């Protein structure tokens, strides 16, 4: 059980972050290819130049909590492997 739960907790936060970042990156690309400037704070395309703000700086709580969850998942997987390794095979 620990191995399965740990695997999910390890993988899903990274997948979620990649999906959210990819969606935003798609909006930024559409905006800049159309000749605009992406306003990272408002999340809209603008006609005036805007300051580029990193994803981590804008969503540090989300990124940090997802990475913490991933570490908890890695520890749970390790615990599950230790428990499973102590059992006889058969």
C-alpha atoms as a PDB file:
ATOM      1  CA  UNK A   1       0.000   0.000   0.000  1.00  0.00           C
ATOM      2  CA  UNK A   2       2.769   2.481   0.917  1.00  0.00           C
ATOM      3  CA  UNK A   3       4.482   1.800  -2.380  1.00  0.00           C
ATOM      4  CA  UNK A   4       1.374   2.613  -4.427  1.00  0.00           C
ATOM      5  CA  UNK A   5       0.403   5.697  -2.457  1.00  0.00           C
ATOM      6  CA  UNK A   6       3.989   6.917  -2.496  1.00  0.00           C
ATOM      7  CA  UNK A   7       4.209   6.434  -6.250  1.00  0.00           C
ATOM      8  CA  UNK A   8       1.100   8.545  -6.783  1.00  0.00           C
ATOM      9  CA  UNK A   9       2.259  11.254  -4.393  1.00  0.00           C
ATOM     10  CA  UNK A  10       5.657  11.281  -6.072  1.00  0.00           C
ATOM     11  CA  UNK A  11       4.418  11.554  -9.668  1.00  0.00           C
ATOM     12  CA  UNK A  12       1.131  13.495  -9.638  1.00  0.00           C
ATOM     13  CA  UNK A  13       2.410  16.840  -8.262  1.00  0.00           C
ATOM     14  CA  UNK A  14       5.060  17.050 -10.985  1.00  0.00           C
ATOM     15  CA  UNK A  15       2.537  16.175 -13.669  1.00  0.00           C
ATOM     16  CA  UNK A  16       0.133  18.805 -12.335  1.00  0.00           C
ATOM     17  CA  UNK A  17       2.831  21.489 -12.300  1.00  0.00           C
ATOM     18  CA  UNK A  18       3.911  20.622 -15.847  1.00  0.00           C
ATOM     19  CA  UNK A  19       0.307  20.812 -17.057  1.00  0.00           C
ATOM     20  CA  UNK A  20      -0.345  24.187 -15.414  1.00  0.00           C
ATOM     21  CA  UNK A  21       2.956  25.607 -16.663  1.00  0.00           C
ATOM     22  CA  UNK A  22       2.276  24.283 -20.170  1.00  0.00           C
ATOM     23  CA  UNK A  23      -1.161  25.893 -20.306  1.00  0.00           C
ATOM     24  CA  UNK A  24       0.304  29.246 -19.302  1.00  0.00           C
ATOM     25  CA  UNK A  25       3.214  28.871 -21.719  1.00  0.00           C
ATOM     26  CA  UNK A  26       0.735  28.251 -24.525  1.00  0.00           C
ATOM     27  CA  UNK A  27      -1.029  31.530 -23.709  1.00  0.00           C
ATOM     28  CA  UNK A  28       2.289  33.395 -23.602  1.00  0.00           C
ATOM     29  CA  UNK A  29       3.341  31.929 -26.955  1.00  0.00           C
ATOM     30  CA  UNK A  30       0.030  32.838 -28.607  1.00  0.00           C
ATOM     31  CA  UNK A  31       0.335  36.387 -27.301  1.00  0.00           C
ATOM     32  CA  UNK A  32       3.940  36.965 -28.344  1.00  0.00           C
ATOM     33  CA  UNK A  33       3.456  35.388 -31.766  1.00  0.00           C
ATOM     34  CA  UNK A  34       0.569  37.775 -32.302  1.00  0.00           C
ATOM     35  CA  UNK A  35       2.874  40.731 -31.626  1.00  0.00           C
ATOM     36  CA  UNK A  36       1.712  41.426 -28.077  1.00  0.00           C
ATOM     37  CA  UNK A  37       3.319  41.380 -24.665  1.00  0.00           C
ATOM     38  CA  UNK A  38       2.070  38.966 -22.037  1.00  0.00           C
ATOM     39  CA  UNK A  39       1.125  40.479 -18.681  1.00  0.00           C
ATOM     40  CA  UNK A  40       2.082  37.730 -16.228  1.00  0.00           C
ATOM     41  CA  UNK A  41       0.325  39.364 -13.259  1.00  0.00           C
ATOM     42  CA  UNK A  42      -3.047  39.828 -14.975  1.00  0.00           C
ATOM     43  CA  UNK A  43      -2.717  36.796 -17.249  1.00  0.00           C
ATOM     44  CA  UNK A  44      -3.699  38.710 -20.381  1.00  0.00           C
ATOM     45  CA  UNK A  45      -2.080  39.885 -23.591  1.00  0.00           C
ATOM     46  CA  UNK A  46      -1.096  43.543 -23.576  1.00  0.00           C
ATOM     47  CA  UNK A  47       0.041  46.021 -26.207  1.00  0.00           C
ATOM     48  CA  UNK A  48       2.685  47.567 -23.934  1.00  0.00           C
ATOM     49  CA  UNK A  49       5.887  45.836 -22.800  1.00  0.00           C
ATOM     50  CA  UNK A  50       5.560  44.002 -19.490  1.00  0.00           C
ATOM     51  CA  UNK A  51       8.051  42.730 -16.933  1.00  0.00           C
ATOM     52  CA  UNK A  52       8.748  39.002 -17.189  1.00  0.00           C
ATOM     53  CA  UNK A  53       8.045  37.309 -13.858  1.00  0.00           C
ATOM     54  CA  UNK A  54       8.997  33.664 -13.345  1.00  0.00           C
ATOM     55  CA  UNK A  55       6.331  31.032 -12.728  1.00  0.00           C
ATOM     56  CA  UNK A  56       7.929  30.181  -9.387  1.00  0.00           C
ATOM     57  CA  UNK A  57       7.870  33.799  -8.239  1.00  0.00           C
ATOM     58  CA  UNK A  58       4.160  34.100  -9.014  1.00  0.00           C
ATOM     59  CA  UNK A  59       3.143  30.671  -7.681  1.00  0.00           C
ATOM     60  CA  UNK A  60       5.785  29.873  -5.071  1.00  0.00           C
ATOM     61  CA  UNK A  61       3.272  28.413  -2.600  1.00  0.00           C
ATOM     62  CA  UNK A  62       1.892  26.004  -5.185  1.00  0.00           C
ATOM     63  CA  UNK A  63       5.319  24.940  -6.449  1.00  0.00           C
ATOM     64  CA  UNK A  64       6.733  24.481  -2.948  1.00  0.00           C
ATOM     65  CA  UNK A  65       3.736  22.483  -1.720  1.00  0.00           C
ATOM     66  CA  UNK A  66       3.786  20.230  -4.795  1.00  0.00           C
ATOM     67  CA  UNK A  67       7.494  19.559  -4.355  1.00  0.00           C
ATOM     68  CA  UNK A  68       6.959  18.825  -0.646  1.00  0.00           C
ATOM     69  CA  UNK A  69       4.212  16.368  -1.578  1.00  0.00           C
ATOM     70  CA  UNK A  70       6.577  14.746  -4.043  1.00  0.00           C
ATOM     71  CA  UNK A  71       9.237  14.343  -1.343  1.00  0.00           C
ATOM     72  CA  UNK A  72       6.638  12.807   0.979  1.00  0.00           C
ATOM     73  CA  UNK A  73       5.766  10.424  -1.860  1.00  0.00           C
ATOM     74  CA  UNK A  74       9.418   9.461  -2.295  1.00  0.00           C
ATOM     75  CA  UNK A  75       9.710   8.755   1.427  1.00  0.00           C
ATOM     76  CA  UNK A  76       6.498   6.702   1.371  1.00  0.00           C
ATOM     77  CA  UNK A  77       7.825   4.697  -1.588  1.00  0.00           C
ATOM     78  CA  UNK A  78      11.063   4.061   0.272  1.00  0.00           C
ATOM     79  CA  UNK A  79       9.141   2.958   3.356  1.00  0.00           C
ATOM     80  CA  UNK A  80       7.001   0.666   1.207  1.00  0.00           C
ATOM     81  CA  UNK A  81      10.085  -0.883  -0.377  1.00  0.00           C
ATOM     82  CA  UNK A  82      11.627  -1.475   3.036  1.00  0.00           C
ATOM     83  CA  UNK A  83       8.468  -3.157   4.291  1.00  0.00           C
ATOM     84  CA  UNK A  84       8.091  -5.244   1.159  1.00  0.00           C
ATOM     85  CA  UNK A  85      11.745  -6.272   1.238  1.00  0.00           C
ATOM     86  CA  UNK A  86      11.342  -7.799   4.681  1.00  0.00           C
ATOM     87  CA  UNK A  87       8.617 -10.209   3.578  1.00  0.00           C
ATOM     88  CA  UNK A  88       9.384 -13.691   2.252  1.00  0.00           C
ATOM     89  CA  UNK A  89       8.887 -14.152  -1.483  1.00  0.00           C
ATOM     90  CA  UNK A  90       6.651 -16.749  -2.847  1.00  0.00           C
END
